[in-house]
C-alpha atoms as a PDB file:
ATOM      1  CA  MET A   1     106.056  93.420 118.250  1.00  0.00           C
ATOM      2  CA  GLN A   2     103.469  95.039 120.421  1.00  0.00           C
ATOM      3  CA  ASN A   3     102.571  98.373 119.545  1.00  0.00           C
ATOM      4  CA  SER A   4     101.866  99.665 123.242  1.00  0.00           C
ATOM      5  CA  THR A   5     103.849  99.166 126.612  1.00  0.00           C
ATOM      6  CA  ASP A   6     102.048  97.404 129.349  1.00  0.00           C
ATOM      7  CA  ALA A   7     101.228 100.901 130.758  1.00  0.00           C
ATOM      8  CA  GLY A   8      99.489 101.377 127.516  1.00  0.00           C
ATOM      9  CA  LEU A   9     101.940 104.028 126.231  1.00  0.00           C
ATOM     10  CA  LYS A  10     102.160 103.835 122.292  1.00  0.00           C
ATOM     11  CA  ILE A  11     105.620 102.909 121.184  1.00  0.00           C
ATOM     12  CA  ILE A  12     105.060 103.497 117.149  1.00  0.00           C
ATOM     13  CA  THR A  13     104.337 106.509 115.194  1.00  0.00           C
ATOM     14  CA  VAL A  14     103.294 106.574 111.593  1.00  0.00           C
ATOM     15  CA  VAL A  15     104.403 109.655 110.034  1.00  0.00           C
ATOM     16  CA  ILE A  16     102.269 110.761 106.816  1.00  0.00           C
ATOM     17  CA  PRO A  17     103.501 113.624 104.551  1.00  0.00           C
ATOM     18  CA  ASN A  18     100.385 115.072 102.593  1.00  0.00           C
ATOM     19  CA  TRP A  19     100.183 117.733  99.863  1.00  0.00           C
ATOM     20  CA  ASN A  20      96.737 117.685  98.169  1.00  0.00           C
ATOM     21  CA  GLY A  21      96.075 114.190  99.037  1.00  0.00           C
ATOM     22  CA  MET A  22      92.370 114.472  99.831  1.00  0.00           C
ATOM     23  CA  ARG A  23      91.400 111.835  97.174  1.00  0.00           C
ATOM     24  CA  TRP A  24      93.457 108.995  99.178  1.00  0.00           C
ATOM     25  CA  LEU A  25      93.094 110.344 102.729  1.00  0.00           C
ATOM     26  CA  GLU A  26      89.768 108.748 103.765  1.00  0.00           C
ATOM     27  CA  SER A  27      90.639 105.158 102.650  1.00  0.00           C
ATOM     28  CA  ARG A  28      94.191 105.326 104.302  1.00  0.00           C
ATOM     29  CA  LEU A  29      93.322 106.969 107.464  1.00  0.00           C
ATOM     30  CA  GLN A  30      90.191 104.530 107.929  1.00  0.00           C
ATOM     31  CA  SER A  31      92.734 101.669 107.446  1.00  0.00           C
ATOM     32  CA  LEU A  32      94.878 103.277 110.075  1.00  0.00           C
ATOM     33  CA  SER A  33      92.155 104.312 112.674  1.00  0.00           C
ATOM     34  CA  ASN A  34      91.754 101.158 114.657  1.00  0.00           C
ATOM     35  CA  GLN A  35      95.456 100.413 115.230  1.00  0.00           C
ATOM     36  CA  ASP A  36      97.397 100.956 118.242  1.00  0.00           C
ATOM     37  CA  PHE A  37      99.813 103.653 117.442  1.00  0.00           C
ATOM     38  CA  ASP A  38     100.173 107.235 116.862  1.00  0.00           C
ATOM     39  CA  THR A  39      99.580 108.923 113.604  1.00  0.00           C
ATOM     40  CA  VAL A  40     101.290 112.342 112.539  1.00  0.00           C
ATOM     41  CA  ILE A  41     100.507 114.136 109.347  1.00  0.00           C
ATOM     42  CA  THR A  42     102.595 116.884 108.071  1.00  0.00           C
ATOM     43  CA  ASP A  43     100.534 118.929 105.535  1.00  0.00           C
ATOM     44  CA  ASN A  44     102.717 120.661 102.968  1.00  0.00           C
ATOM     45  CA  GLY A  45     100.195 123.684 102.151  1.00  0.00           C
ATOM     46  CA  SER A  46      97.445 121.594 100.772  1.00  0.00           C
ATOM     47  CA  THR A  47      94.597 123.622  99.085  1.00  0.00           C
ATOM     48  CA  ASP A  48      92.228 120.750  98.746  1.00  0.00           C
ATOM     49  CA  GLY A  49      90.534 120.418 101.980  1.00  0.00           C
ATOM     50  CA  SER A  50      92.715 117.824 103.429  1.00  0.00           C
ATOM     51  CA  VAL A  51      93.648 119.526 106.702  1.00  0.00           C
ATOM     52  CA  PRO A  52      89.851 120.255 107.718  1.00  0.00           C
ATOM     53  CA  PHE A  53      88.764 116.871 106.652  1.00  0.00           C
ATOM     54  CA  ILE A  54      91.544 115.352 109.016  1.00  0.00           C
ATOM     55  CA  LYS A  55      90.619 117.476 111.922  1.00  0.00           C
ATOM     56  CA  GLU A  56      86.870 117.012 111.591  1.00  0.00           C
ATOM     57  CA  ASN A  57      87.120 113.254 111.085  1.00  0.00           C
ATOM     58  CA  TYR A  58      90.103 112.127 112.845  1.00  0.00           C
ATOM     59  CA  PRO A  59      90.830 114.334 115.691  1.00  0.00           C
ATOM     60  CA  GLN A  60      93.235 111.767 117.227  1.00  0.00           C
ATOM     61  CA  ILE A  61      95.547 112.485 114.561  1.00  0.00           C
ATOM     62  CA  LYS A  62      98.136 115.137 115.070  1.00  0.00           C
ATOM     63  CA  VAL A  63      98.411 117.552 111.940  1.00  0.00           C
ATOM     64  CA  THR A  64     101.243 119.977 111.662  1.00  0.00           C
ATOM     65  CA  CYS A  65     100.616 122.561 108.824  1.00  0.00           C
ATOM     66  CA  LEU A  66     103.236 123.905 106.638  1.00  0.00           C
ATOM     67  CA  ALA A  67     102.575 127.222 104.758  1.00  0.00           C
ATOM     68  CA  ARG A  68     103.992 125.968 101.554  1.00  0.00           C
ATOM     69  CA  ASN A  69     105.030 122.544  99.775  1.00  0.00           C
ATOM     70  CA  ALA A  70     108.286 122.040 101.956  1.00  0.00           C
ATOM     71  CA  GLY A  71     108.913 118.463  99.995  1.00  0.00           C
ATOM     72  CA  PHE A  72     108.718 115.090 101.260  1.00  0.00           C
ATOM     73  CA  ALA A  73     112.099 114.999 103.196  1.00  0.00           C
ATOM     74  CA  ASN A  74     111.132 118.196 105.034  1.00  0.00           C
ATOM     75  CA  ALA A  75     107.693 116.978 105.792  1.00  0.00           C
ATOM     76  CA  VAL A  76     108.862 113.482 107.190  1.00  0.00           C
ATOM     77  CA  ASN A  77     111.585 115.068 109.335  1.00  0.00           C
ATOM     78  CA  ILE A  78     109.107 117.632 110.775  1.00  0.00           C
ATOM     79  CA  GLY A  79     106.632 114.661 111.468  1.00  0.00           C
ATOM     80  CA  ILE A  80     109.426 112.590 113.211  1.00  0.00           C
ATOM     81  CA  GLU A  81     110.119 115.720 115.344  1.00  0.00           C
ATOM     82  CA  LYS A  82     106.424 115.768 116.343  1.00  0.00           C
ATOM     83  CA  SER A  83     106.472 112.079 117.139  1.00  0.00           C
ATOM     84  CA  THR A  84     106.956 111.167 120.993  1.00  0.00           C
ATOM     85  CA  PRO A  85     107.223 107.347 120.810  1.00  0.00           C
ATOM     86  CA  PRO A  86     110.896 105.601 120.138  1.00  0.00           C
ATOM     87  CA  TYR A  87     109.906 104.236 116.938  1.00  0.00           C
ATOM     88  CA  VAL A  88     108.721 105.985 113.769  1.00  0.00           C
ATOM     89  CA  VAL A  89     107.258 104.093 110.520  1.00  0.00           C
ATOM     90  CA  LEU A  90     107.119 106.263 107.292  1.00  0.00           C
END
């Protein structure tokens, strides 16, 4: 399956919930950075520097910040709501 249309529009979004996951972010996001899909991260009120790291190093990633840890399901649902392509991968 192609990840973009002939017009270059992306058809897949990867949604990643995050809560203080700084120790995993660099390797995970690096592996996703050269792929042809959108990435959305919903941050669950992290206090470990995750959000500034993402914004500084991966400006192409959409980040939604929650004030507190709303849990996996809520974070994923918010990420899906922020997605525009028709297919979402968790």
